[in-house]
């Protein structure tokens, strides 16, 4: 017996897996017992060995979202696709692993704090300095 069907066209939404979030933000690979869907191969622990065009494209696509999450300081269990064993959080005035290794940023001077580096190169995001000031960290104004 015929049925009346309505075909729906779905738009594809790209979401990073919990392991991909974790690896792009922290630079650490943590393999579970099963169902790993990060950038690693299941054995190697050095994420630098797994930098590929796919990883770079994921960072480029999700950069703004990942940076906003990182500088918010919120814990990883606030993410929609979380894994309870992958606990991490960022902080204003710092940058995630991918920002340092997947972007073409000027090198950081030896011993230079991240906040000093961000000030020297004017890499602060809107409102980020105020978050750092509220947290009680001291930030020097850029030299003029």
N, C-alpha and C. Protein backbone atom coordinates (compact mmCIF):
# COMPACT_ATOMS: atom_id res chain seq x y z
N UNK A 1 0.84 -1.16 0.00
CA UNK A 1 0.00 0.00 0.00
C UNK A 1 0.89 1.24 0.00
N UNK A 2 0.63 2.17 -0.91
CA UNK A 2 1.48 3.36 -1.00
C UNK A 2 1.31 4.26 0.23
N UNK A 3 2.40 4.91 0.55
CA UNK A 3 2.35 5.88 1.66
C UNK A 3 2.80 7.23 1.13
N UNK A 4 2.34 8.22 1.79
CA UNK A 4 2.72 9.58 1.41
C UNK A 4 3.94 9.99 2.24
N UNK A 5 5.04 10.22 1.56
CA UNK A 5 6.26 10.58 2.27
C UNK A 5 6.69 11.98 1.89
N UNK A 6 7.18 12.67 2.85
CA UNK A 6 7.74 13.99 2.60
C UNK A 6 9.25 13.88 2.79
N UNK A 7 9.97 14.10 1.72
CA UNK A 7 11.43 14.02 1.80
C UNK A 7 11.97 15.33 2.34
N UNK A 8 12.82 15.20 3.29
CA UNK A 8 13.44 16.39 3.88
C UNK A 8 14.90 16.42 3.49
N UNK A 9 15.33 17.60 3.17
CA UNK A 9 16.75 17.77 2.85
C UNK A 9 17.44 18.27 4.11
N UNK A 10 18.43 17.54 4.54
CA UNK A 10 19.15 17.90 5.75
C UNK A 10 20.42 18.65 5.38
N UNK A 11 20.68 19.69 6.12
CA UNK A 11 21.95 20.37 5.94
C UNK A 11 22.97 19.72 6.87
N UNK A 12 24.13 19.53 6.38
CA UNK A 12 25.17 18.88 7.17
C UNK A 12 25.76 19.89 8.15
N UNK A 13 25.84 19.48 9.40
CA UNK A 13 26.44 20.32 10.42
C UNK A 13 27.71 19.63 10.88
N UNK A 14 28.79 20.35 10.81
CA UNK A 14 30.07 19.80 11.21
C UNK A 14 30.31 20.05 12.69
N UNK A 15 30.46 18.99 13.44
CA UNK A 15 30.81 19.09 14.85
C UNK A 15 32.11 18.34 15.07
N UNK A 16 32.94 18.91 15.88
CA UNK A 16 34.14 18.19 16.27
C UNK A 16 33.77 17.17 17.34
N UNK A 17 34.50 16.08 17.37
CA UNK A 17 34.26 15.10 18.42
C UNK A 17 34.85 15.62 19.73
N UNK A 18 34.48 14.99 20.83
CA UNK A 18 35.02 15.38 22.13
C UNK A 18 36.53 15.23 22.15
N UNK A 19 37.05 14.19 21.49
CA UNK A 19 38.50 13.99 21.44
C UNK A 19 39.18 15.05 20.58
N UNK A 20 38.56 15.45 19.49
CA UNK A 20 39.15 16.49 18.66
C UNK A 20 39.18 17.82 19.40
N UNK A 21 38.09 18.17 20.10
CA UNK A 21 38.09 19.38 20.94
C UNK A 21 39.26 19.32 21.91
N UNK A 22 39.33 18.22 22.63
CA UNK A 22 40.35 18.03 23.66
C UNK A 22 41.76 18.20 23.08
N UNK A 23 42.00 17.58 21.94
CA UNK A 23 43.33 17.62 21.35
C UNK A 23 43.68 18.99 20.80
N UNK A 24 42.73 19.65 20.13
CA UNK A 24 43.02 20.99 19.61
C UNK A 24 43.24 21.99 20.74
N UNK A 25 42.53 21.84 21.83
CA UNK A 25 42.64 22.81 22.92
C UNK A 25 43.82 22.51 23.85
N UNK A 26 44.06 21.26 24.18
CA UNK A 26 45.10 20.94 25.16
C UNK A 26 46.41 20.43 24.56
N UNK A 27 46.34 19.85 23.36
CA UNK A 27 47.54 19.26 22.77
C UNK A 27 47.84 17.88 23.31
N UNK A 28 46.94 17.32 24.10
CA UNK A 28 47.14 15.99 24.68
C UNK A 28 46.25 14.96 23.99
N UNK A 29 46.79 13.76 23.85
CA UNK A 29 46.02 12.65 23.33
C UNK A 29 45.74 11.69 24.47
N UNK A 30 44.48 11.38 24.71
CA UNK A 30 44.08 10.41 25.72
C UNK A 30 43.22 9.36 25.04
N UNK A 31 43.80 8.18 24.82
CA UNK A 31 43.07 7.12 24.14
C UNK A 31 42.16 6.38 25.12
N UNK A 32 40.91 6.19 24.76
CA UNK A 32 40.02 5.37 25.59
C UNK A 32 40.19 3.90 25.22
N UNK A 33 39.47 3.04 25.89
CA UNK A 33 39.52 1.62 25.57
C UNK A 33 38.92 1.34 24.20
N UNK A 34 37.90 2.11 23.80
CA UNK A 34 37.26 1.91 22.51
C UNK A 34 36.58 3.18 22.04
N UNK A 35 36.25 3.24 20.77
CA UNK A 35 35.53 4.34 20.13
C UNK A 35 36.27 5.68 20.19
N UNK A 36 37.51 5.65 19.85
CA UNK A 36 38.30 6.87 19.76
C UNK A 36 38.09 7.49 18.39
N UNK A 37 37.83 8.81 18.34
CA UNK A 37 37.64 9.49 17.06
C UNK A 37 38.37 10.83 17.02
N UNK A 38 39.57 10.83 17.56
CA UNK A 38 40.40 12.03 17.52
C UNK A 38 41.36 11.99 16.35
N UNK A 39 42.46 12.71 16.47
CA UNK A 39 43.42 12.83 15.38
C UNK A 39 44.52 11.76 15.43
N UNK A 40 44.70 11.12 16.55
CA UNK A 40 45.77 10.14 16.70
C UNK A 40 45.50 8.83 15.99
N UNK A 41 46.47 7.92 16.11
CA UNK A 41 46.37 6.62 15.45
C UNK A 41 46.06 5.49 16.42
N UNK A 42 45.81 5.81 17.68
CA UNK A 42 45.52 4.78 18.67
C UNK A 42 46.73 4.36 19.46
N UNK A 43 47.93 4.82 19.08
CA UNK A 43 49.14 4.43 19.78
C UNK A 43 50.02 5.62 20.14
N UNK A 44 50.31 6.48 19.16
CA UNK A 44 51.21 7.61 19.39
C UNK A 44 50.60 8.64 20.33
N UNK A 45 51.45 9.26 21.15
CA UNK A 45 50.98 10.24 22.12
C UNK A 45 51.42 11.67 21.81
N UNK A 46 52.27 11.85 20.80
CA UNK A 46 52.74 13.19 20.44
C UNK A 46 51.83 13.76 19.35
N UNK A 47 51.00 14.72 19.71
CA UNK A 47 50.02 15.27 18.77
C UNK A 47 50.69 15.98 17.60
N UNK A 48 51.91 16.46 17.79
CA UNK A 48 52.63 17.10 16.69
C UNK A 48 52.78 16.16 15.50
N UNK A 49 52.90 14.86 15.75
CA UNK A 49 53.06 13.87 14.69
C UNK A 49 51.79 13.69 13.87
N UNK A 50 50.67 14.18 14.38
CA UNK A 50 49.39 13.99 13.70
C UNK A 50 48.82 15.27 13.11
N UNK A 51 49.66 16.30 13.00
CA UNK A 51 49.21 17.53 12.36
C UNK A 51 49.05 17.25 10.86
N UNK A 52 47.82 17.38 10.39
CA UNK A 52 47.50 17.09 8.99
C UNK A 52 46.67 18.25 8.43
N UNK A 53 46.46 18.26 7.12
CA UNK A 53 45.56 19.27 6.56
C UNK A 53 44.15 19.20 7.15
N UNK A 54 43.70 18.02 7.54
CA UNK A 54 42.37 17.88 8.16
C UNK A 54 42.34 18.61 9.50
N UNK A 55 43.38 18.41 10.31
CA UNK A 55 43.44 19.09 11.61
C UNK A 55 43.50 20.61 11.41
N UNK A 56 44.30 21.05 10.47
CA UNK A 56 44.40 22.50 10.19
C UNK A 56 43.06 23.06 9.71
N UNK A 57 42.36 22.30 8.88
CA UNK A 57 41.05 22.75 8.39
C UNK A 57 40.04 22.80 9.53
N UNK A 58 40.08 21.82 10.42
CA UNK A 58 39.17 21.83 11.58
C UNK A 58 39.43 23.05 12.45
N UNK A 59 40.71 23.35 12.69
CA UNK A 59 41.05 24.53 13.48
C UNK A 59 40.57 25.80 12.78
N UNK A 60 40.81 25.91 11.49
CA UNK A 60 40.40 27.11 10.75
C UNK A 60 38.88 27.27 10.79
N UNK A 61 38.16 26.19 10.66
CA UNK A 61 36.69 26.25 10.65
C UNK A 61 36.12 26.61 12.01
N UNK A 62 36.68 26.04 13.07
CA UNK A 62 36.11 26.18 14.41
C UNK A 62 36.93 27.10 15.32
N UNK A 63 37.89 27.82 14.76
CA UNK A 63 38.82 28.64 15.54
C UNK A 63 38.11 29.60 16.49
N UNK A 64 37.18 30.38 15.98
CA UNK A 64 36.52 31.39 16.80
C UNK A 64 35.76 30.76 17.97
N UNK A 65 35.04 29.70 17.68
CA UNK A 65 34.28 29.00 18.72
C UNK A 65 35.20 28.41 19.78
N UNK A 66 36.29 27.78 19.33
CA UNK A 66 37.23 27.17 20.27
C UNK A 66 37.95 28.21 21.12
N UNK A 67 38.36 29.32 20.50
CA UNK A 67 39.01 30.39 21.27
C UNK A 67 38.06 31.00 22.29
N UNK A 68 36.83 31.24 21.88
CA UNK A 68 35.85 31.81 22.82
C UNK A 68 35.63 30.88 24.01
N UNK A 69 35.52 29.59 23.73
CA UNK A 69 35.36 28.63 24.82
C UNK A 69 36.59 28.63 25.72
N UNK A 70 37.77 28.61 25.13
CA UNK A 70 39.01 28.54 25.90
C UNK A 70 39.16 29.74 26.83
N UNK A 71 38.99 30.95 26.30
CA UNK A 71 39.21 32.13 27.15
C UNK A 71 38.08 32.35 28.14
N UNK A 72 36.96 31.66 27.96
CA UNK A 72 35.86 31.79 28.93
C UNK A 72 36.23 31.13 30.26
N UNK A 73 37.16 30.16 30.22
CA UNK A 73 37.55 29.46 31.43
C UNK A 73 36.56 28.40 31.87
N UNK A 74 35.53 28.18 31.06
CA UNK A 74 34.52 27.17 31.43
C UNK A 74 35.12 25.77 31.33
N UNK A 75 34.69 24.85 32.19
CA UNK A 75 35.22 23.48 32.12
C UNK A 75 34.64 22.73 30.93
N UNK A 76 35.38 21.71 30.51
CA UNK A 76 34.99 20.96 29.31
C UNK A 76 33.66 20.23 29.45
N UNK A 77 33.20 19.98 30.67
CA UNK A 77 31.91 19.30 30.81
C UNK A 77 30.74 20.20 30.43
N UNK A 78 31.00 21.46 30.09
CA UNK A 78 29.96 22.36 29.59
C UNK A 78 29.79 22.25 28.08
N UNK A 79 30.67 21.52 27.41
CA UNK A 79 30.56 21.32 25.97
C UNK A 79 29.43 20.32 25.67
N UNK A 80 28.80 20.47 24.51
CA UNK A 80 27.69 19.58 24.19
C UNK A 80 28.10 18.12 23.97
N UNK A 81 29.26 17.86 23.43
CA UNK A 81 29.68 16.49 23.14
C UNK A 81 30.80 16.07 24.08
N UNK A 82 30.58 16.19 25.35
CA UNK A 82 31.61 16.00 26.36
C UNK A 82 31.83 14.52 26.68
N UNK A 83 32.98 14.26 27.20
CA UNK A 83 33.33 12.97 27.77
C UNK A 83 33.82 13.27 29.18
N UNK A 84 33.23 12.66 30.19
CA UNK A 84 33.58 13.03 31.57
C UNK A 84 35.04 12.82 31.92
N UNK A 85 35.73 11.92 31.24
CA UNK A 85 37.14 11.67 31.56
C UNK A 85 38.08 12.65 30.87
N UNK A 86 37.55 13.51 30.01
CA UNK A 86 38.37 14.55 29.36
C UNK A 86 38.05 15.89 30.02
N UNK A 87 38.62 16.14 31.16
CA UNK A 87 38.35 17.38 31.89
C UNK A 87 39.49 18.37 31.67
N UNK A 88 39.15 19.55 31.20
CA UNK A 88 40.13 20.61 30.96
C UNK A 88 39.38 21.93 30.90
N UNK A 89 40.11 23.00 31.02
CA UNK A 89 39.55 24.34 30.87
C UNK A 89 40.69 25.30 30.58
N UNK A 90 40.35 26.37 29.90
CA UNK A 90 41.33 27.39 29.58
C UNK A 90 41.24 28.53 30.58
N UNK A 91 41.71 29.68 30.15
CA UNK A 91 41.65 30.88 30.99
C UNK A 91 41.88 32.09 30.10
N UNK A 92 41.27 33.21 30.45
CA UNK A 92 41.56 34.42 29.69
C UNK A 92 43.04 34.77 29.83
N UNK A 93 43.62 35.30 28.77
CA UNK A 93 45.04 35.64 28.79
C UNK A 93 45.93 34.48 28.41
N UNK A 94 45.33 33.35 28.02
CA UNK A 94 46.09 32.20 27.55
C UNK A 94 45.52 31.77 26.20
N UNK A 95 46.22 30.89 25.51
CA UNK A 95 45.77 30.39 24.22
C UNK A 95 45.88 28.88 24.20
N UNK A 96 44.99 28.22 23.48
CA UNK A 96 45.04 26.75 23.39
C UNK A 96 46.18 26.26 22.52
N UNK A 97 46.44 24.98 22.59
CA UNK A 97 47.53 24.35 21.85
C UNK A 97 47.48 24.67 20.37
N UNK A 98 46.33 24.52 19.74
CA UNK A 98 46.23 24.72 18.28
C UNK A 98 46.58 26.15 17.88
N UNK A 99 46.28 27.10 18.73
CA UNK A 99 46.60 28.50 18.42
C UNK A 99 48.11 28.65 18.27
N UNK A 100 48.87 27.97 19.09
CA UNK A 100 50.32 28.07 19.04
C UNK A 100 50.93 27.26 17.91
N UNK A 101 50.34 26.10 17.58
CA UNK A 101 50.98 25.19 16.64
C UNK A 101 50.33 25.10 15.26
N UNK A 102 49.12 25.59 15.09
CA UNK A 102 48.46 25.49 13.79
C UNK A 102 48.26 26.83 13.11
N UNK A 103 48.71 27.89 13.73
CA UNK A 103 48.64 29.22 13.15
C UNK A 103 50.06 29.74 12.95
N UNK A 104 50.18 30.71 12.10
CA UNK A 104 51.48 31.31 11.83
C UNK A 104 51.65 32.55 12.70
N UNK A 105 51.88 32.33 13.99
CA UNK A 105 52.08 33.44 14.93
C UNK A 105 53.56 33.70 15.11
N UNK A 106 53.94 34.94 15.43
CA UNK A 106 55.35 35.21 15.73
C UNK A 106 55.79 34.40 16.95
N UNK A 107 57.04 34.00 17.00
CA UNK A 107 57.49 33.20 18.14
C UNK A 107 57.47 34.00 19.44
N UNK A 108 57.29 33.28 20.52
CA UNK A 108 57.27 33.88 21.85
C UNK A 108 58.70 33.91 22.39
N UNK A 109 59.07 35.02 23.00
CA UNK A 109 60.40 35.15 23.58
C UNK A 109 60.53 34.19 24.77
N UNK A 110 61.75 33.73 24.98
CA UNK A 110 61.97 32.80 26.08
C UNK A 110 61.65 33.48 27.41
N UNK A 111 60.86 32.81 28.22
CA UNK A 111 60.48 33.33 29.52
C UNK A 111 59.34 34.34 29.48
N UNK A 112 58.83 34.64 28.31
CA UNK A 112 57.75 35.62 28.17
C UNK A 112 56.41 34.99 28.55
N UNK A 113 55.68 35.65 29.42
CA UNK A 113 54.35 35.17 29.80
C UNK A 113 53.39 35.34 28.63
N UNK A 114 52.36 34.50 28.60
CA UNK A 114 51.39 34.58 27.51
C UNK A 114 50.73 35.95 27.45
N UNK A 115 50.39 36.52 28.61
CA UNK A 115 49.74 37.83 28.63
C UNK A 115 50.67 38.91 28.06
N UNK A 116 51.95 38.82 28.36
CA UNK A 116 52.92 39.78 27.81
C UNK A 116 53.00 39.63 26.29
N UNK A 117 53.02 38.40 25.83
CA UNK A 117 53.07 38.12 24.39
C UNK A 117 51.83 38.68 23.70
N UNK A 118 50.66 38.43 24.27
CA UNK A 118 49.41 38.93 23.68
C UNK A 118 49.40 40.45 23.63
N UNK A 119 49.95 41.08 24.64
CA UNK A 119 50.02 42.54 24.68
C UNK A 119 51.00 43.06 23.63
N UNK A 120 52.17 42.45 23.56
CA UNK A 120 53.21 42.89 22.62
C UNK A 120 52.73 42.82 21.17
N UNK A 121 51.95 41.79 20.85
CA UNK A 121 51.49 41.62 19.47
C UNK A 121 50.04 42.06 19.26
N UNK A 122 49.44 42.60 20.30
CA UNK A 122 48.04 43.08 20.24
C UNK A 122 47.10 41.97 19.76
N UNK A 123 47.21 40.80 20.39
CA UNK A 123 46.38 39.65 20.07
C UNK A 123 45.21 39.46 21.03
N UNK A 124 44.98 40.41 21.92
CA UNK A 124 43.87 40.27 22.85
C UNK A 124 42.54 40.26 22.10
N UNK A 125 41.63 39.42 22.53
CA UNK A 125 40.29 39.38 21.95
C UNK A 125 39.41 40.41 22.67
N UNK A 126 38.35 40.88 22.02
CA UNK A 126 37.47 41.87 22.66
C UNK A 126 36.94 41.37 24.01
N UNK A 127 37.11 42.19 25.03
CA UNK A 127 36.62 41.87 26.37
C UNK A 127 37.52 40.95 27.18
N UNK A 128 38.55 40.41 26.57
CA UNK A 128 39.41 39.44 27.27
C UNK A 128 40.24 40.10 28.38
N UNK A 129 40.75 41.29 28.12
CA UNK A 129 41.54 41.98 29.16
C UNK A 129 40.71 42.24 30.41
N UNK A 130 39.44 42.57 30.22
CA UNK A 130 38.57 42.82 31.37
C UNK A 130 38.38 41.53 32.18
N UNK A 131 38.27 40.39 31.50
CA UNK A 131 38.14 39.12 32.20
C UNK A 131 39.39 38.83 33.03
N UNK A 132 40.55 39.14 32.47
CA UNK A 132 41.80 38.91 33.18
C UNK A 132 41.89 39.85 34.37
N UNK A 133 41.49 41.10 34.18
CA UNK A 133 41.53 42.07 35.27
C UNK A 133 40.60 41.66 36.41
N UNK A 134 39.45 41.13 36.07
CA UNK A 134 38.51 40.66 37.09
C UNK A 134 39.11 39.50 37.86
N UNK A 135 39.85 38.65 37.16
CA UNK A 135 40.48 37.50 37.80
C UNK A 135 41.66 37.92 38.68
N UNK A 136 42.10 39.19 38.58
CA UNK A 136 43.15 39.70 39.45
C UNK A 136 44.55 39.63 38.87
N UNK A 137 44.69 39.32 37.59
CA UNK A 137 46.01 39.29 36.97
C UNK A 137 46.40 40.71 36.56
N UNK A 138 47.68 41.00 36.58
CA UNK A 138 48.17 42.30 36.20
C UNK A 138 48.56 42.27 34.71
N UNK A 139 48.09 43.23 33.97
CA UNK A 139 48.43 43.35 32.55
C UNK A 139 48.98 44.74 32.32
N UNK A 140 50.11 44.80 31.69
CA UNK A 140 50.67 46.10 31.35
C UNK A 140 50.10 46.58 30.03
N UNK A 141 49.93 47.88 29.92
CA UNK A 141 49.46 48.45 28.67
C UNK A 141 50.56 48.34 27.62
N UNK A 142 50.19 48.19 26.35
CA UNK A 142 51.24 48.08 25.32
C UNK A 142 52.03 49.37 25.23
N UNK A 143 53.34 49.26 24.98
CA UNK A 143 54.14 50.48 24.84
C UNK A 143 53.73 51.27 23.60
N UNK A 144 53.74 52.55 23.71
CA UNK A 144 53.37 53.43 22.58
C UNK A 144 54.56 54.13 22.05
